[in-house]
Amino acid sequence: MSIPVSLEGLRDEIDRATAAPYLVTVGTDGRPHCVNLVVGWEAGLLVADAGNTTVANATSRPLVSLVWPPGQPGGHSLIVDATATVGNGSARRVMLTPTSAVLHRTVAVG
């Protein structure tokens, strides 16, 4: 089950998150690359310092996603699609422009 999150309401949803998100990029072989990192806000963008593989992936394939896991069993994950840019004074700084967001909870099977 998914609940859309407006980009205007995204900061509030992120503030409610209890864990650091995973940034999902795509490697040259098409496989996802997931890293847990700390993000902050700068000038309306989400920003994080990342490692070499993440930076290389985001530079070559800038369509990325952030996933905040649920804070409790059965809770909602926050999934944010974004466009990444790299640099701005630091070769390891990844700046993320959110494009869409949803709260997602797994539907029980049975």
PDB file of N, CA and C in Angstrom:
ATOM      1  N   MET A   1       0.843  -1.166   0.000  1.00  0.00           N
ATOM      2  CA  MET A   1       0.000   0.000   0.000  1.00  0.00           C
ATOM      3  C   MET A   1       0.892   1.233   0.000  1.00  0.00           C
ATOM      4  N   SER A   2       0.627   2.152  -0.899  1.00  0.00           N
ATOM      5  CA  SER A   2       1.427   3.368  -1.006  1.00  0.00           C
ATOM      6  C   SER A   2       0.565   4.602  -0.785  1.00  0.00           C
ATOM      7  N   ILE A   3       1.144   5.584  -0.097  1.00  0.00           N
ATOM      8  CA  ILE A   3       0.495   6.869   0.148  1.00  0.00           C
ATOM      9  C   ILE A   3       1.409   7.942  -0.435  1.00  0.00           C
ATOM     10  N   PRO A   4       0.935   8.702  -1.429  1.00  0.00           N
ATOM     11  CA  PRO A   4       1.778   9.752  -1.993  1.00  0.00           C
ATOM     12  C   PRO A   4       2.148  10.799  -0.938  1.00  0.00           C
ATOM     13  N   VAL A   5       3.368  11.315  -1.043  1.00  0.00           N
ATOM     14  CA  VAL A   5       3.843  12.390  -0.180  1.00  0.00           C
ATOM     15  C   VAL A   5       4.159  13.570  -1.083  1.00  0.00           C
ATOM     16  N   SER A   6       3.582  14.712  -0.788  1.00  0.00           N
ATOM     17  CA  SER A   6       3.882  15.895  -1.601  1.00  0.00           C
ATOM     18  C   SER A   6       5.319  16.330  -1.335  1.00  0.00           C
ATOM     19  N   LEU A   7       5.936  16.940  -2.326  1.00  0.00           N
ATOM     20  CA  LEU A   7       7.298  17.433  -2.129  1.00  0.00           C
ATOM     21  C   LEU A   7       7.322  18.531  -1.069  1.00  0.00           C
ATOM     22  N   GLU A   8       6.224  19.265  -0.940  1.00  0.00           N
ATOM     23  CA  GLU A   8       6.137  20.296   0.097  1.00  0.00           C
ATOM     24  C   GLU A   8       6.119  19.668   1.498  1.00  0.00           C
ATOM     25  N   GLY A   9       5.578  18.473   1.633  1.00  0.00           N
ATOM     26  CA  GLY A   9       5.497  17.791   2.920  1.00  0.00           C
ATOM     27  C   GLY A   9       6.650  16.837   3.188  1.00  0.00           C
ATOM     28  N   LEU A  10       7.587  16.755   2.254  1.00  0.00           N
ATOM     29  CA  LEU A  10       8.664  15.774   2.369  1.00  0.00           C
ATOM     30  C   LEU A  10       9.563  16.019   3.577  1.00  0.00           C
ATOM     31  N   ARG A  11       9.909  17.248   3.838  1.00  0.00           N
ATOM     32  CA  ARG A  11      10.798  17.546   4.975  1.00  0.00           C
ATOM     33  C   ARG A  11      10.177  17.046   6.284  1.00  0.00           C
ATOM     34  N   ASP A  12       8.867  17.227   6.442  1.00  0.00           N
ATOM     35  CA  ASP A  12       8.196  16.747   7.658  1.00  0.00           C
ATOM     36  C   ASP A  12       8.275  15.226   7.766  1.00  0.00           C
ATOM     37  N   GLU A  13       8.074  14.529   6.661  1.00  0.00           N
ATOM     38  CA  GLU A  13       8.162  13.062   6.684  1.00  0.00           C
ATOM     39  C   GLU A  13       9.578  12.603   7.031  1.00  0.00           C
ATOM     40  N   ILE A  14      10.580  13.260   6.462  1.00  0.00           N
ATOM     41  CA  ILE A  14      11.965  12.901   6.753  1.00  0.00           C
ATOM     42  C   ILE A  14      12.270  13.169   8.222  1.00  0.00           C
ATOM     43  N   ASP A  15      11.762  14.268   8.753  1.00  0.00           N
ATOM     44  CA  ASP A  15      11.986  14.581  10.171  1.00  0.00           C
ATOM     45  C   ASP A  15      11.386  13.513  11.083  1.00  0.00           C
ATOM     46  N   ARG A  16      10.323  12.848  10.641  1.00  0.00           N
ATOM     47  CA  ARG A  16       9.696  11.788  11.445  1.00  0.00           C
ATOM     48  C   ARG A  16      10.455  10.462  11.379  1.00  0.00           C
ATOM     49  N   ALA A  17      11.323  10.322  10.397  1.00  0.00           N
ATOM     50  CA  ALA A  17      12.067   9.062  10.228  1.00  0.00           C
ATOM     51  C   ALA A  17      12.973   8.832  11.439  1.00  0.00           C
ATOM     52  N   THR A  18      13.068   7.578  11.855  1.00  0.00           N
ATOM     53  CA  THR A  18      13.873   7.239  13.027  1.00  0.00           C
ATOM     54  C   THR A  18      15.203   6.583  12.669  1.00  0.00           C
ATOM     55  N   ALA A  19      15.421   6.313  11.405  1.00  0.00           N
ATOM     56  CA  ALA A  19      16.669   5.677  10.964  1.00  0.00           C
ATOM     57  C   ALA A  19      17.218   6.438   9.770  1.00  0.00           C
ATOM     58  N   ALA A  20      18.512   6.286   9.532  1.00  0.00           N
ATOM     59  CA  ALA A  20      19.144   6.891   8.352  1.00  0.00           C
ATOM     60  C   ALA A  20      18.695   6.141   7.099  1.00  0.00           C
ATOM     61  N   PRO A  21      18.618   6.842   5.971  1.00  0.00           N
ATOM     62  CA  PRO A  21      18.143   6.206   4.746  1.00  0.00           C
ATOM     63  C   PRO A  21      19.243   5.425   4.022  1.00  0.00           C
ATOM     64  N   TYR A  22      18.789   4.638   3.080  1.00  0.00           N
ATOM     65  CA  TYR A  22      19.667   3.971   2.118  1.00  0.00           C
ATOM     66  C   TYR A  22      19.561   4.734   0.806  1.00  0.00           C
ATOM     67  N   LEU A  23      20.694   5.023   0.189  1.00  0.00           N
ATOM     68  CA  LEU A  23      20.721   5.622  -1.138  1.00  0.00           C
ATOM     69  C   LEU A  23      20.947   4.495  -2.134  1.00  0.00           C
ATOM     70  N   VAL A  24      20.073   4.409  -3.121  1.00  0.00           N
ATOM     71  CA  VAL A  24      20.153   3.352  -4.136  1.00  0.00           C
ATOM     72  C   VAL A  24      20.580   3.984  -5.449  1.00  0.00           C
ATOM     73  N   THR A  25      21.748   3.565  -5.946  1.00  0.00           N
ATOM     74  CA  THR A  25      22.231   3.974  -7.257  1.00  0.00           C
ATOM     75  C   THR A  25      22.333   2.717  -8.118  1.00  0.00           C
ATOM     76  N   VAL A  26      22.695   2.899  -9.382  1.00  0.00           N
ATOM     77  CA  VAL A  26      22.818   1.761 -10.302  1.00  0.00           C
ATOM     78  C   VAL A  26      24.229   1.724 -10.853  1.00  0.00           C
ATOM     79  N   GLY A  27      24.850   0.530 -10.794  1.00  0.00           N
ATOM     80  CA  GLY A  27      26.203   0.352 -11.296  1.00  0.00           C
ATOM     81  C   GLY A  27      26.251   0.155 -12.799  1.00  0.00           C
ATOM     82  N   THR A  28      27.461   0.080 -13.329  1.00  0.00           N
ATOM     83  CA  THR A  28      27.640  -0.098 -14.773  1.00  0.00           C
ATOM     84  C   THR A  28      27.055  -1.412 -15.270  1.00  0.00           C
ATOM     85  N   ASP A  29      26.949  -2.403 -14.384  1.00  0.00           N
ATOM     86  CA  ASP A  29      26.389  -3.699 -14.767  1.00  0.00           C
ATOM     87  C   ASP A  29      24.872  -3.763 -14.599  1.00  0.00           C
ATOM     88  N   GLY A  30      24.251  -2.645 -14.195  1.00  0.00           N
ATOM     89  CA  GLY A  30      22.808  -2.589 -14.035  1.00  0.00           C
ATOM     90  C   GLY A  30      22.307  -3.027 -12.672  1.00  0.00           C
ATOM     91  N   ARG A  31      23.225  -3.450 -11.793  1.00  0.00           N
ATOM     92  CA  ARG A  31      22.811  -3.890 -10.456  1.00  0.00           C
ATOM     93  C   ARG A  31      22.659  -2.698  -9.527  1.00  0.00           C
ATOM     94  N   PRO A  32      21.695  -2.795  -8.591  1.00  0.00           N
ATOM     95  CA  PRO A  32      21.566  -1.722  -7.614  1.00  0.00           C
ATOM     96  C   PRO A  32      22.733  -1.719  -6.627  1.00  0.00           C
ATOM     97  N   HIS A  33      23.097  -0.544  -6.177  1.00  0.00           N
ATOM     98  CA  HIS A  33      24.144  -0.355  -5.167  1.00  0.00           C
ATOM     99  C   HIS A  33      23.484   0.438  -4.040  1.00  0.00           C
ATOM    100  N   CYS A  34      23.385  -0.155  -2.851  1.00  0.00           N
ATOM    101  CA  CYS A  34      22.692   0.465  -1.720  1.00  0.00           C
ATOM    102  C   CYS A  34      23.686   0.788  -0.616  1.00  0.00           C
ATOM    103  N   VAL A  35      23.636   2.019  -0.131  1.00  0.00           N
ATOM    104  CA  VAL A  35      24.483   2.420   0.991  1.00  0.00           C
ATOM    105  C   VAL A  35      23.642   3.186   2.003  1.00  0.00           C
ATOM    106  N   ASN A  36      23.934   2.963   3.262  1.00  0.00           N
ATOM    107  CA  ASN A  36      23.288   3.679   4.349  1.00  0.00           C
ATOM    108  C   ASN A  36      24.104   4.932   4.620  1.00  0.00           C
ATOM    109  N   LEU A  37      23.441   6.087   4.668  1.00  0.00           N
ATOM    110  CA  LEU A  37      24.176   7.331   4.893  1.00  0.00           C
ATOM    111  C   LEU A  37      23.318   8.350   5.623  1.00  0.00           C
ATOM    112  N   VAL A  38      23.956   9.397   6.059  1.00  0.00           N
ATOM    113  CA  VAL A  38      23.272  10.488   6.745  1.00  0.00           C
ATOM    114  C   VAL A  38      23.026  11.598   5.734  1.00  0.00           C
ATOM    115  N   VAL A  39      21.796  12.074   5.676  1.00  0.00           N
ATOM    116  CA  VAL A  39      21.456  13.169   4.761  1.00  0.00           C
ATOM    117  C   VAL A  39      21.044  14.396   5.555  1.00  0.00           C
ATOM    118  N   GLY A  40      21.231  15.543   4.939  1.00  0.00           N
ATOM    119  CA  GLY A  40      20.791  16.806   5.510  1.00  0.00           C
ATOM    120  C   GLY A  40      20.208  17.667   4.410  1.00  0.00           C
ATOM    121  N   TRP A  41      19.747  18.836   4.793  1.00  0.00           N
ATOM    122  CA  TRP A  41      19.178  19.776   3.833  1.00  0.00           C
ATOM    123  C   TRP A  41      20.117  20.952   3.642  1.00  0.00           C
ATOM    124  N   GLU A  42      20.327  21.353   2.392  1.00  0.00           N
ATOM    125  CA  GLU A  42      21.071  22.560   2.054  1.00  0.00           C
ATOM    126  C   GLU A  42      20.396  23.195   0.855  1.00  0.00           C
ATOM    127  N   ALA A  43      19.932  24.412   1.036  1.00  0.00           N
ATOM    128  CA  ALA A  43      19.317  25.177  -0.056  1.00  0.00           C
ATOM    129  C   ALA A  43      18.218  24.389  -0.765  1.00  0.00           C
ATOM    130  N   GLY A  44      17.396  23.658   0.001  1.00  0.00           N
ATOM    131  CA  GLY A  44      16.277  22.927  -0.568  1.00  0.00           C
ATOM    132  C   GLY A  44      16.622  21.584  -1.178  1.00  0.00           C
ATOM    133  N   LEU A  45      17.891  21.190  -1.102  1.00  0.00           N
ATOM    134  CA  LEU A  45      18.324  19.899  -1.634  1.00  0.00           C
ATOM    135  C   LEU A  45      18.708  18.981  -0.484  1.00  0.00           C
ATOM    136  N   LEU A  46      18.524  17.683  -0.673  1.00  0.00           N
ATOM    137  CA  LEU A  46      19.076  16.709   0.257  1.00  0.00           C
ATOM    138  C   LEU A  46      20.532  16.507  -0.114  1.00  0.00           C
ATOM    139  N   VAL A  47      21.419  16.482   0.874  1.00  0.00           N
ATOM    140  CA  VAL A  47      22.843  16.324   0.603  1.00  0.00           C
ATOM    141  C   VAL A  47      23.432  15.264   1.511  1.00  0.00           C
ATOM    142  N   ALA A  48      24.462  14.589   0.993  1.00  0.00           N
ATOM    143  CA  ALA A  48      25.156  13.564   1.763  1.00  0.00           C
ATOM    144  C   ALA A  48      26.564  13.407   1.220  1.00  0.00           C
ATOM    145  N   ASP A  49      27.470  12.987   2.076  1.00  0.00           N
ATOM    146  CA  ASP A  49      28.803  12.605   1.631  1.00  0.00           C
ATOM    147  C   ASP A  49      28.762  11.105   1.373  1.00  0.00           C
ATOM    148  N   ALA A  50      29.352  10.678   0.261  1.00  0.00           N
ATOM    149  CA  ALA A  50      29.250   9.283  -0.153  1.00  0.00           C
ATOM    150  C   ALA A  50      30.606   8.759  -0.600  1.00  0.00           C
ATOM    151  N   GLY A  51      30.674   7.449  -0.759  1.00  0.00           N
ATOM    152  CA  GLY A  51      31.902   6.796  -1.182  1.00  0.00           C
ATOM    153  C   GLY A  51      32.104   6.820  -2.688  1.00  0.00           C
ATOM    154  N   ASN A  52      33.245   6.271  -3.095  1.00  0.00           N
ATOM    155  CA  ASN A  52      33.645   6.330  -4.511  1.00  0.00           C
ATOM    156  C   ASN A  52      32.656   5.666  -5.459  1.00  0.00           C
ATOM    157  N   THR A  53      32.151   4.488  -5.103  1.00  0.00           N
ATOM    158  CA  THR A  53      31.231   3.777  -5.995  1.00  0.00           C
ATOM    159  C   THR A  53      29.927   4.540  -6.137  1.00  0.00           C
ATOM    160  N   THR A  54      29.398   5.023  -5.029  1.00  0.00           N
ATOM    161  CA  THR A  54      28.149   5.792  -5.072  1.00  0.00           C
ATOM    162  C   THR A  54      28.316   7.051  -5.910  1.00  0.00           C
ATOM    163  N   VAL A  55      29.418   7.762  -5.712  1.00  0.00           N
ATOM    164  CA  VAL A  55      29.681   8.979  -6.477  1.00  0.00           C
ATOM    165  C   VAL A  55      29.799   8.665  -7.964  1.00  0.00           C
ATOM    166  N   ALA A  56      30.519   7.624  -8.311  1.00  0.00           N
ATOM    167  CA  ALA A  56      30.664   7.246  -9.728  1.00  0.00           C
ATOM    168  C   ALA A  56      29.315   6.876 -10.337  1.00  0.00           C
ATOM    169  N   ASN A  57      28.528   6.083  -9.603  1.00  0.00           N
ATOM    170  CA  ASN A  57      27.213   5.687 -10.110  1.00  0.00           C
ATOM    171  C   ASN A  57      26.311   6.902 -10.305  1.00  0.00           C
ATOM    172  N   ALA A  58      26.267   7.790  -9.309  1.00  0.00           N
ATOM    173  CA  ALA A  58      25.388   8.958  -9.383  1.00  0.00           C
ATOM    174  C   ALA A  58      25.818   9.920 -10.481  1.00  0.00           C
ATOM    175  N   THR A  59      27.117   9.990 -10.746  1.00  0.00           N
ATOM    176  CA  THR A  59      27.611  10.856 -11.812  1.00  0.00           C
ATOM    177  C   THR A  59      27.168  10.326 -13.178  1.00  0.00           C
ATOM    178  N   SER A  60      27.268   9.017 -13.367  1.00  0.00           N
ATOM    179  CA  SER A  60      26.934   8.411 -14.669  1.00  0.00           C
ATOM    180  C   SER A  60      25.445   8.162 -14.858  1.00  0.00           C
ATOM    181  N   ARG A  61      24.751   7.853 -13.775  1.00  0.00           N
ATOM    182  CA  ARG A  61      23.325   7.521 -13.831  1.00  0.00           C
ATOM    183  C   ARG A  61      22.636   8.253 -12.674  1.00  0.00           C
ATOM    184  N   PRO A  62      22.234   9.496 -12.896  1.00  0.00           N
ATOM    185  CA  PRO A  62      21.784  10.361 -11.798  1.00  0.00           C
ATOM    186  C   PRO A  62      20.379  10.091 -11.259  1.00  0.00           C
ATOM    187  N   LEU A  63      19.622   9.182 -11.857  1.00  0.00           N
ATOM    188  CA  LEU A  63      18.302   8.859 -11.310  1.00  0.00           C
ATOM    189  C   LEU A  63      18.497   7.861 -10.173  1.00  0.00           C
ATOM    190  N   VAL A  64      18.192   8.295  -8.946  1.00  0.00           N
ATOM    191  CA  VAL A  64      18.469   7.513  -7.746  1.00  0.00           C
ATOM    192  C   VAL A  64      17.228   7.466  -6.869  1.00  0.00           C
ATOM    193  N   SER A  65      17.299   6.654  -5.813  1.00  0.00           N
ATOM    194  CA  SER A  65      16.229   6.606  -4.820  1.00  0.00           C
ATOM    195  C   SER A  65      16.829   6.580  -3.429  1.00  0.00           C
ATOM    196  N   LEU A  66      16.095   7.150  -2.497  1.00  0.00           N
ATOM    197  CA  LEU A  66      16.413   7.063  -1.073  1.00  0.00           C
ATOM    198  C   LEU A  66      15.300   6.264  -0.412  1.00  0.00           C
ATOM    199  N   VAL A  67      15.669   5.388   0.523  1.00  0.00           N
ATOM    200  CA  VAL A  67      14.679   4.571   1.225  1.00  0.00           C
ATOM    201  C   VAL A  67      14.949   4.656   2.722  1.00  0.00           C
ATOM    202  N   TRP A  68      13.971   5.202   3.452  1.00  0.00           N
ATOM    203  CA  TRP A  68      14.023   5.197   4.904  1.00  0.00           C
ATOM    204  C   TRP A  68      13.217   3.992   5.365  1.00  0.00           C
ATOM    205  N   PRO A  69      13.830   3.060   6.106  1.00  0.00           N
ATOM    206  CA  PRO A  69      13.079   1.891   6.570  1.00  0.00           C
ATOM    207  C   PRO A  69      12.017   2.297   7.591  1.00  0.00           C
ATOM    208  N   PRO A  70      11.006   1.441   7.783  1.00  0.00           N
ATOM    209  CA  PRO A  70       9.983   1.776   8.774  1.00  0.00           C
ATOM    210  C   PRO A  70      10.583   1.852  10.172  1.00  0.00           C
ATOM    211  N   GLY A  71      10.011   2.711  10.988  1.00  0.00           N
ATOM    212  CA  GLY A  71      10.492   2.876  12.353  1.00  0.00           C
ATOM    213  C   GLY A  71      10.015   1.791  13.288  1.00  0.00           C
ATOM    214  N   GLN A  72       9.045   1.007  12.830  1.00  0.00           N
ATOM    215  CA  GLN A  72       8.510  -0.079  13.649  1.00  0.00           C
ATOM    216  C   GLN A  72       7.983  -1.165  12.729  1.00  0.00           C
ATOM    217  N   PRO A  73       7.901  -2.406  13.212  1.00  0.00           N
ATOM    218  CA  PRO A  73       7.348  -3.480  12.384  1.00  0.00           C
ATOM    219  C   PRO A  73       5.934  -3.125  11.909  1.00  0.00           C
ATOM    220  N   GLY A  74       5.693  -3.327  10.631  1.00  0.00           N
ATOM    221  CA  GLY A  74       4.388  -3.012  10.057  1.00  0.00           C
ATOM    222  C   GLY A  74       4.214  -1.553   9.698  1.00  0.00           C
ATOM    223  N   GLY A  75       5.244  -0.730   9.952  1.00  0.00           N
ATOM    224  CA  GLY A  75       5.175   0.692   9.626  1.00  0.00           C
ATOM    225  C   GLY A  75       5.454   0.952   8.160  1.00  0.00           C
ATOM    226  N   HIS A  76       5.441   2.208   7.805  1.00  0.00           N
ATOM    227  CA  HIS A  76       5.680   2.626   6.427  1.00  0.00           C
ATOM    228  C   HIS A  76       7.157   2.951   6.194  1.00  0.00           C
ATOM    229  N   SER A  77       7.684   2.534   5.049  1.00  0.00           N
ATOM    230  CA  SER A  77       8.970   3.014   4.553  1.00  0.00           C
ATOM    231  C   SER A  77       8.698   4.302   3.785  1.00  0.00           C
ATOM    232  N   LEU A  78       9.657   5.213   3.797  1.00  0.00           N
ATOM    233  CA  LEU A  78       9.578   6.413   2.971  1.00  0.00           C
ATOM    234  C   LEU A  78      10.511   6.201   1.791  1.00  0.00           C
ATOM    235  N   ILE A  79       9.961   6.287   0.588  1.00  0.00           N
ATOM    236  CA  ILE A  79      10.740   6.102  -0.633  1.00  0.00           C
ATOM    237  C   ILE A  79      10.711   7.402  -1.417  1.00  0.00           C
ATOM    238  N   VAL A  80      11.895   7.935  -1.704  1.00  0.00           N
ATOM    239  CA  VAL A  80      12.011   9.207  -2.419  1.00  0.00           C
ATOM    240  C   VAL A  80      12.831   8.988  -3.677  1.00  0.00           C
ATOM    241  N   ASP A  81      12.259   9.282  -4.827  1.00  0.00           N
ATOM    242  CA  ASP A  81      13.016   9.292  -6.074  1.00  0.00           C
ATOM    243  C   ASP A  81      13.630  10.672  -6.225  1.00  0.00           C
ATOM    244  N   ALA A  82      14.847  10.722  -6.764  1.00  0.00           N
ATOM    245  CA  ALA A  82      15.565  11.987  -6.864  1.00  0.00           C
ATOM    246  C   ALA A  82      16.513  11.967  -8.052  1.00  0.00           C
ATOM    247  N   THR A  83      16.975  13.155  -8.402  1.00  0.00           N
ATOM    248  CA  THR A  83      18.031  13.320  -9.397  1.00  0.00           C
ATOM    249  C   THR A  83      19.269  13.799  -8.656  1.00  0.00           C
ATOM    250  N   ALA A  84      20.385  13.114  -8.889  1.00  0.00           N
ATOM    251  CA  ALA A  84      21.630  13.406  -8.177  1.00  0.00           C
ATOM    252  C   ALA A  84      22.559  14.267  -9.018  1.00  0.00           C
ATOM    253  N   THR A  85      23.261  15.156  -8.329  1.00  0.00           N
ATOM    254  CA  THR A  85      24.408  15.854  -8.900  1.00  0.00           C
ATOM    255  C   THR A  85      25.547  15.702  -7.901  1.00  0.00           C
ATOM    256  N   VAL A  86      26.762  15.752  -8.395  1.00  0.00           N
ATOM    257  CA  VAL A  86      27.933  15.503  -7.554  1.00  0.00           C
ATOM    258  C   VAL A  86      28.848  16.709  -7.610  1.00  0.00           C
ATOM    259  N   GLY A  87      29.426  17.053  -6.464  1.00  0.00           N
ATOM    260  CA  GLY A  87      30.414  18.129  -6.445  1.00  0.00           C
ATOM    261  C   GLY A  87      30.058  19.236  -5.492  1.00  0.00           C
ATOM    262  N   ASN A  88      30.068  20.456  -6.000  1.00  0.00           N
ATOM    263  CA  ASN A  88      29.795  21.657  -5.213  1.00  0.00           C
ATOM    264  C   ASN A  88      30.786  21.808  -4.064  1.00  0.00           C
ATOM    265  N   GLY A  89      32.066  21.810  -4.403  1.00  0.00           N
ATOM    266  CA  GLY A  89      33.105  22.003  -3.399  1.00  0.00           C
ATOM    267  C   GLY A  89      33.683  20.722  -2.836  1.00  0.00           C
ATOM    268  N   SER A  90      33.014  19.616  -3.017  1.00  0.00           N
ATOM    269  CA  SER A  90      33.517  18.338  -2.513  1.00  0.00           C
ATOM    270  C   SER A  90      33.205  17.249  -3.528  1.00  0.00           C
ATOM    271  N   ALA A  91      34.211  16.510  -3.930  1.00  0.00           N
ATOM    272  CA  ALA A  91      34.028  15.442  -4.909  1.00  0.00           C
ATOM    273  C   ALA A  91      33.192  14.303  -4.348  1.00  0.00           C
ATOM    274  N   ARG A  92      33.017  14.272  -3.035  1.00  0.00           N
ATOM    275  CA  ARG A  92      32.249  13.200  -2.402  1.00  0.00           C
ATOM    276  C   ARG A  92      30.840  13.637  -2.008  1.00  0.00           C
ATOM    277  N   ARG A  93      30.509  14.886  -2.255  1.00  0.00           N
ATOM    278  CA  ARG A  93      29.191  15.419  -1.884  1.00  0.00           C
ATOM    279  C   ARG A  93      28.191  15.095  -2.982  1.00  0.00           C
ATOM    280  N   VAL A  94      27.090  14.446  -2.600  1.00  0.00           N
ATOM    281  CA  VAL A  94      26.010  14.129  -3.529  1.00  0.00           C
ATOM    282  C   VAL A  94      24.815  14.996  -3.146  1.00  0.00           C
ATOM    283  N   MET A  95      24.303  15.748  -4.103  1.00  0.00           N
ATOM    284  CA  MET A  95      23.150  16.612  -3.896  1.00  0.00           C
ATOM    285  C   MET A  95      21.960  15.990  -4.616  1.00  0.00           C
ATOM    286  N   LEU A  96      20.856  15.872  -3.914  1.00  0.00           N
ATOM    287  CA  LEU A  96      19.705  15.138  -4.418  1.00  0.00           C
ATOM    288  C   LEU A  96      18.492  16.056  -4.509  1.00  0.00           C
ATOM    289  N   THR A  97      17.935  16.152  -5.703  1.00  0.00           N
ATOM    290  CA  THR A  97      16.722  16.926  -5.935  1.00  0.00           C
ATOM    291  C   THR A  97      15.550  15.952  -5.958  1.00  0.00           C
ATOM    292  N   PRO A  98      14.717  15.943  -4.918  1.00  0.00           N
ATOM    293  CA  PRO A  98      13.580  15.014  -4.898  1.00  0.00           C
ATOM    294  C   PRO A  98      12.616  15.292  -6.046  1.00  0.00           C
ATOM    295  N   THR A  99      12.104  14.207  -6.652  1.00  0.00           N
ATOM    296  CA  THR A  99      11.135  14.340  -7.738  1.00  0.00           C
ATOM    297  C   THR A  99       9.788  13.727  -7.384  1.00  0.00           C
ATOM    298  N   SER A 100       9.772  12.736  -6.487  1.00  0.00           N
ATOM    299  CA  SER A 100       8.524  12.144  -6.020  1.00  0.00           C
ATOM    300  C   SER A 100       8.800  11.376  -4.735  1.00  0.00           C
ATOM    301  N   ALA A 101       7.727  11.136  -3.971  1.00  0.00           N
ATOM    302  CA  ALA A 101       7.886  10.432  -2.705  1.00  0.00           C
ATOM    303  C   ALA A 101       6.603   9.698  -2.345  1.00  0.00           C
ATOM    304  N   VAL A 102       6.761   8.555  -1.694  1.00  0.00           N
ATOM    305  CA  VAL A 102       5.621   7.788  -1.188  1.00  0.00           C
ATOM    306  C   VAL A 102       5.981   7.167   0.155  1.00  0.00           C
ATOM    307  N   LEU A 103       4.947   6.961   0.962  1.00  0.00           N
ATOM    308  CA  LEU A 103       5.061   6.105   2.133  1.00  0.00           C
ATOM    309  C   LEU A 103       4.551   4.747   1.684  1.00  0.00           C
ATOM    310  N   HIS A 104       5.305   3.699   1.959  1.00  0.00           N
ATOM    311  CA  HIS A 104       4.943   2.370   1.465  1.00  0.00           C
ATOM    312  C   HIS A 104       4.951   1.361   2.602  1.00  0.00           C
ATOM    313  N   ARG A 105       3.911   0.571   2.674  1.00  0.00           N
ATOM    314  CA  ARG A 105       3.847  -0.510   3.656  1.00  0.00           C
ATOM    315  C   ARG A 105       3.517  -1.789   2.908  1.00  0.00           C
ATOM    316  N   THR A 106       4.209  -2.858   3.282  1.00  0.00           N
ATOM    317  CA  THR A 106       3.974  -4.153   2.653  1.00  0.00           C
ATOM    318  C   THR A 106       2.561  -4.637   2.969  1.00  0.00           C
ATOM    319  N   VAL A 107       1.889  -5.112   1.967  1.00  0.00           N
ATOM    320  CA  VAL A 107       0.561  -5.681   2.153  1.00  0.00           C
ATOM    321  C   VAL A 107       0.723  -7.130   2.566  1.00  0.00           C
ATOM    322  N   ALA A 108       0.058  -7.525   3.624  1.00  0.00           N
ATOM    323  CA  ALA A 108       0.143  -8.900   4.117  1.00  0.00           C
ATOM    324  C   ALA A 108      -0.445  -9.855   3.086  1.00  0.00           C
ATOM    325  N   VAL A 109       0.214 -10.983   2.887  1.00  0.00           N
ATOM    326  CA  VAL A 109      -0.258 -12.010   1.980  1.00  0.00           C
ATOM    327  C   VAL A 109      -0.909 -13.091   2.809  1.00  0.00           C
ATOM    328  N   GLY A 110      -2.019 -13.578   2.331  1.00  0.00           N
ATOM    329  CA  GLY A 110      -2.608 -14.673   3.094  1.00  0.00           C
ATOM    330  C   GLY A 110      -4.031 -14.752   3.066  1.00  0.00           C
TER     331      GLY A 110
END
